[in-house]
Structure formats: structure tokens, C-alpha cells
C-alpha atoms as a PDB file:
ATOM      1  CA  MET A   1       0.000   0.000   0.000  1.00  0.00           C
ATOM      2  CA  LYS A   2       1.155   3.532  -0.703  1.00  0.00           C
ATOM      3  CA  PHE A   3       0.918   6.341   1.794  1.00  0.00           C
ATOM      4  CA  ILE A   4       1.517  10.043   1.287  1.00  0.00           C
ATOM      5  CA  CYS A   5       3.319  11.551   4.257  1.00  0.00           C
ATOM      6  CA  LEU A   6       3.018  15.316   4.442  1.00  0.00           C
ATOM      7  CA  GLY A   7       5.662  16.945   6.611  1.00  0.00           C
ATOM      8  CA  TYR A   8       4.903  20.305   8.196  1.00  0.00           C
ATOM      9  CA  ALA A   9       7.300  22.766   9.797  1.00  0.00           C
ATOM     10  CA  ASP A  10       7.339  26.278  11.177  1.00  0.00           C
ATOM     11  CA  GLU A  11       9.645  28.204   8.838  1.00  0.00           C
ATOM     12  CA  LYS A  12      10.531  30.764  11.538  1.00  0.00           C
ATOM     13  CA  THR A  13      11.502  28.039  14.009  1.00  0.00           C
ATOM     14  CA  TRP A  14      13.588  26.340  11.303  1.00  0.00           C
ATOM     15  CA  ALA A  15      15.347  29.601  10.440  1.00  0.00           C
ATOM     16  CA  ALA A  16      16.035  30.257  14.141  1.00  0.00           C
ATOM     17  CA  ARG A  17      18.053  27.031  14.437  1.00  0.00           C
ATOM     18  CA  SER A  18      21.788  27.291  13.989  1.00  0.00           C
ATOM     19  CA  GLU A  19      23.253  26.127  10.692  1.00  0.00           C
ATOM     20  CA  SER A  20      24.851  23.154  12.432  1.00  0.00           C
ATOM     21  CA  GLU A  21      21.485  22.157  13.988  1.00  0.00           C
ATOM     22  CA  ARG A  22      19.744  22.409  10.614  1.00  0.00           C
ATOM     23  CA  ASN A  23      22.514  20.425   8.901  1.00  0.00           C
ATOM     24  CA  ALA A  24      22.433  17.729  11.592  1.00  0.00           C
ATOM     25  CA  LEU A  25      18.670  17.275  11.243  1.00  0.00           C
ATOM     26  CA  VAL A  26      18.835  17.219   7.438  1.00  0.00           C
ATOM     27  CA  ASP A  27      21.602  14.604   7.591  1.00  0.00           C
ATOM     28  CA  GLU A  28      19.550  12.512  10.038  1.00  0.00           C
ATOM     29  CA  CYS A  29      16.465  12.722   7.822  1.00  0.00           C
ATOM     30  CA  LEU A  30      18.320  11.786   4.647  1.00  0.00           C
ATOM     31  CA  ALA A  31      20.074   8.902   6.410  1.00  0.00           C
ATOM     32  CA  TYR A  32      16.683   7.540   7.516  1.00  0.00           C
ATOM     33  CA  ASP A  33      15.325   8.007   3.978  1.00  0.00           C
ATOM     34  CA  ASP A  34      18.247   5.807   2.842  1.00  0.00           C
ATOM     35  CA  VAL A  35      17.137   3.133   5.334  1.00  0.00           C
ATOM     36  CA  LEU A  36      13.593   3.346   3.949  1.00  0.00           C
ATOM     37  CA  ARG A  37      14.985   2.989   0.393  1.00  0.00           C
ATOM     38  CA  ARG A  38      17.087  -0.059   1.286  1.00  0.00           C
ATOM     39  CA  ASN A  39      14.048  -1.707   2.885  1.00  0.00           C
ATOM     40  CA  GLY A  40      11.798  -0.956  -0.107  1.00  0.00           C
ATOM     41  CA  ASN A  41       9.595   1.508   1.792  1.00  0.00           C
ATOM     42  CA  PHE A  42      10.655   4.774   0.122  1.00  0.00           C
ATOM     43  CA  ALA A  43       8.601   5.300  -3.034  1.00  0.00           C
ATOM     44  CA  GLY A  44       9.476   8.955  -3.603  1.00  0.00           C
ATOM     45  CA  GLY A  45       9.410  12.385  -2.110  1.00  0.00           C
ATOM     46  CA  ASP A  46      10.613  15.942  -2.279  1.00  0.00           C
ATOM     47  CA  ALA A  47      11.166  18.937  -0.067  1.00  0.00           C
ATOM     48  CA  LEU A  48       9.233  22.077  -0.894  1.00  0.00           C
ATOM     49  CA  GLN A  49      10.472  25.629  -1.176  1.00  0.00           C
ATOM     50  CA  SER A  50       9.185  28.217   1.294  1.00  0.00           C
ATOM     51  CA  ALA A  51       5.440  28.812   1.452  1.00  0.00           C
ATOM     52  CA  LYS A  52       6.308  32.378   0.356  1.00  0.00           C
ATOM     53  CA  ASN A  53       6.971  30.911  -3.105  1.00  0.00           C
ATOM     54  CA  ALA A  54       3.592  29.144  -3.311  1.00  0.00           C
ATOM     55  CA  ARG A  55       0.484  30.181  -5.208  1.00  0.00           C
ATOM     56  CA  THR A  56      -3.023  28.959  -4.461  1.00  0.00           C
ATOM     57  CA  LEU A  57      -5.570  28.450  -7.229  1.00  0.00           C
ATOM     58  CA  ARG A  58      -9.293  28.606  -6.490  1.00  0.00           C
ATOM     59  CA  TRP A  59     -12.339  28.457  -8.721  1.00  0.00           C
ATOM     60  CA  GLN A  60     -14.383  31.549  -7.933  1.00  0.00           C
ATOM     61  CA  LYS A  61     -17.240  33.166  -9.845  1.00  0.00           C
ATOM     62  CA  GLY A  62     -16.588  31.136 -12.970  1.00  0.00           C
ATOM     63  CA  LYS A  63     -12.849  31.691 -13.203  1.00  0.00           C
ATOM     64  CA  VAL A  64      -9.551  30.767 -11.596  1.00  0.00           C
ATOM     65  CA  LEU A  65      -8.344  33.093  -8.863  1.00  0.00           C
ATOM     66  CA  VAL A  66      -4.601  33.019  -8.133  1.00  0.00           C
ATOM     67  CA  THR A  67      -3.384  34.215  -4.746  1.00  0.00           C
ATOM     68  CA  ASP A  68       0.022  34.310  -3.075  1.00  0.00           C
ATOM     69  CA  GLY A  69       0.976  31.473  -0.762  1.00  0.00           C
ATOM     70  CA  PRO A  70      -1.213  29.066   1.128  1.00  0.00           C
ATOM     71  CA  TYR A  71      -4.063  30.358   3.265  1.00  0.00           C
ATOM     72  CA  ALA A  72      -3.481  28.052   6.214  1.00  0.00           C
ATOM     73  CA  GLU A  73      -4.216  29.684   9.556  1.00  0.00           C
ATOM     74  CA  THR A  74      -1.238  28.032  11.199  1.00  0.00           C
ATOM     75  CA  LYS A  75       2.448  28.678  11.769  1.00  0.00           C
ATOM     76  CA  GLU A  76       3.275  25.261  10.339  1.00  0.00           C
ATOM     77  CA  GLN A  77       3.445  25.033   6.562  1.00  0.00           C
ATOM     78  CA  LEU A  78       3.775  22.029   4.287  1.00  0.00           C
ATOM     79  CA  GLY A  79       7.502  21.474   3.901  1.00  0.00           C
ATOM     80  CA  GLY A  80       7.775  18.177   2.060  1.00  0.00           C
ATOM     81  CA  ILE A  81       6.123  15.046   0.771  1.00  0.00           C
ATOM     82  CA  LEU A  82       7.302  11.485   1.202  1.00  0.00           C
ATOM     83  CA  VAL A  83       5.644   8.587  -0.619  1.00  0.00           C
ATOM     84  CA  LEU A  84       5.891   5.481   1.516  1.00  0.00           C
ATOM     85  CA  GLU A  85       5.262   1.805   0.776  1.00  0.00           C
ATOM     86  CA  ALA A  86       3.898   0.021   3.839  1.00  0.00           C
ATOM     87  CA  ARG A  87       1.754  -3.016   4.664  1.00  0.00           C
ATOM     88  CA  ASP A  88      -0.981  -0.911   6.261  1.00  0.00           C
ATOM     89  CA  LEU A  89      -1.538   2.346   8.144  1.00  0.00           C
ATOM     90  CA  ASP A  90      -0.083   0.947  11.366  1.00  0.00           C
ATOM     91  CA  HIS A  91       3.098  -0.031   9.520  1.00  0.00           C
ATOM     92  CA  ALA A  92       3.283   3.447   7.925  1.00  0.00           C
ATOM     93  CA  ILE A  93       2.901   5.043  11.360  1.00  0.00           C
ATOM     94  CA  GLN A  94       5.603   2.761  12.743  1.00  0.00           C
ATOM     95  CA  LEU A  95       8.014   3.712   9.942  1.00  0.00           C
ATOM     96  CA  MET A  96       7.339   7.448  10.091  1.00  0.00           C
ATOM     97  CA  SER A  97       7.511   7.503  13.913  1.00  0.00           C
ATOM     98  CA  LYS A  98      11.234   6.812  13.508  1.00  0.00           C
ATOM     99  CA  HIS A  99      11.734   9.588  10.927  1.00  0.00           C
ATOM    100  CA  PRO A 100      13.858  12.419  12.345  1.00  0.00           C
ATOM    101  CA  GLY A 101      11.749  14.927  10.382  1.00  0.00           C
ATOM    102  CA  VAL A 102       9.090  14.576  13.087  1.00  0.00           C
ATOM    103  CA  LYS A 103      11.440  16.676  15.255  1.00  0.00           C
ATOM    104  CA  ALA A 104      10.881  19.618  12.878  1.00  0.00           C
ATOM    105  CA  GLY A 105       7.092  19.336  12.813  1.00  0.00           C
ATOM    106  CA  PRO A 106       4.153  17.000  12.412  1.00  0.00           C
ATOM    107  CA  PHE A 107       3.642  14.477   9.619  1.00  0.00           C
ATOM    108  CA  GLU A 108       0.189  13.721   8.238  1.00  0.00           C
ATOM    109  CA  ILE A 109      -0.054  10.192   6.820  1.00  0.00           C
ATOM    110  CA  ARG A 110      -2.781   9.284   4.332  1.00  0.00           C
ATOM    111  CA  PRO A 111      -3.314   6.141   2.294  1.00  0.00           C
ATOM    112  CA  THR A 112      -3.407   6.773  -1.434  1.00  0.00           C
ATOM    113  CA  GLU A 113      -6.569   6.004  -3.348  1.00  0.00           C
ATOM    114  CA  ASP A 114      -6.499   3.617  -6.283  1.00  0.00           C
ATOM    115  CA  ILE A 115      -8.304   5.625  -8.943  1.00  0.00           C
ATOM    116  CA  SER A 116      -7.581   3.302 -11.864  1.00  0.00           C
ATOM    117  CA  ALA A 117     -11.268   2.304 -12.177  1.00  0.00           C
ATOM    118  CA  MET A 118     -12.309   5.977 -12.061  1.00  0.00           C
ATOM    119  CA  VAL A 119      -9.747   6.838 -14.768  1.00  0.00           C
ATOM    120  CA  ALA A 120     -10.896   3.965 -16.983  1.00  0.00           C
ATOM    121  CA  GLU A 121     -14.556   4.988 -16.626  1.00  0.00           C
ATOM    122  CA  SER A 122     -13.704   8.604 -17.422  1.00  0.00           C
ATOM    123  CA  GLU A 123     -11.764   7.502 -20.513  1.00  0.00           C
ATOM    124  CA  ARG A 124     -14.806   5.505 -21.674  1.00  0.00           C
ATOM    125  CA  ARG A 125     -17.114   8.498 -21.170  1.00  0.00           C
ATOM    126  CA  ARG A 126     -14.743  10.867 -22.983  1.00  0.00           C
ATOM    127  CA  ALA A 127     -14.250   8.427 -25.860  1.00  0.00           C
ATOM    128  CA  LYS A 128     -18.033   8.440 -26.451  1.00  0.00           C
ATOM    129  CA  THR A 129     -18.078  12.228 -26.856  1.00  0.00           C
ATOM    130  CA  HIS A 130     -15.366  12.342 -29.523  1.00  0.00           C
END
């Protein structure tokens, strides 16, 4: 089963850490990601740039509205995404509980949804209209 693990962090708290503290945590995180890779649990992932570089798209009054950054009412912003292979949610929780990134902020873990049947049905519907 695949799980999307969303890592959140407070950018101000991160910036307030010394360079050596930040480097040590990054090294710990990447070392654990290597363990996940070796064990076949790491299916992908990336860090995200600052929320200041984000744009949010919303459908409003018949058109797309683009605004700066996320509109989360929280100090913690999405900082990265890890795609995890695990037996079940308990296994995913067990694996991510050991991830050093939890020291920087919370991780939200969600199972992915198999949408292959939905995609196939949509393709059938669209093929009928062309």
C-alpha cells in the first residue's frame, strides 16, 4: 500500500536554528530516507520551497483566482512530501515515527486512493463524446 506523508514545519523556528542544527537534522532525515529505500519503503518524495513561493488556485465566480501562498491559519506550513510503501496504516505510522523529520514538525499520513477504475470509466465516457 502507498501512503503520502506530508511533513509540516514552522519556517521561523527552522530559520532560528543554527546552521549546524539544521545540517544535523537534514543529515539525520536523509540517512533515515536511505534506510527506507534499502528496505523498499521509500517510493518517492521531495522537499518544498518556502510557502512564500507558493500560489493557491481557487475556482471563484466562474474563473480561476490566483493568490500568493497558502491560506493556512497556522504557523506550520507544508515542507515536504514522502511517498511510503507500507503493509498498512499501522506499519506506515511505525516507519514514520522513527523519521527524524518529526522533530521539525508533524507528519500527516494518508493512504493513497487507487483511482484506476475511475480513470478507466472517465476515458470511456470521454471516448463516447469524440
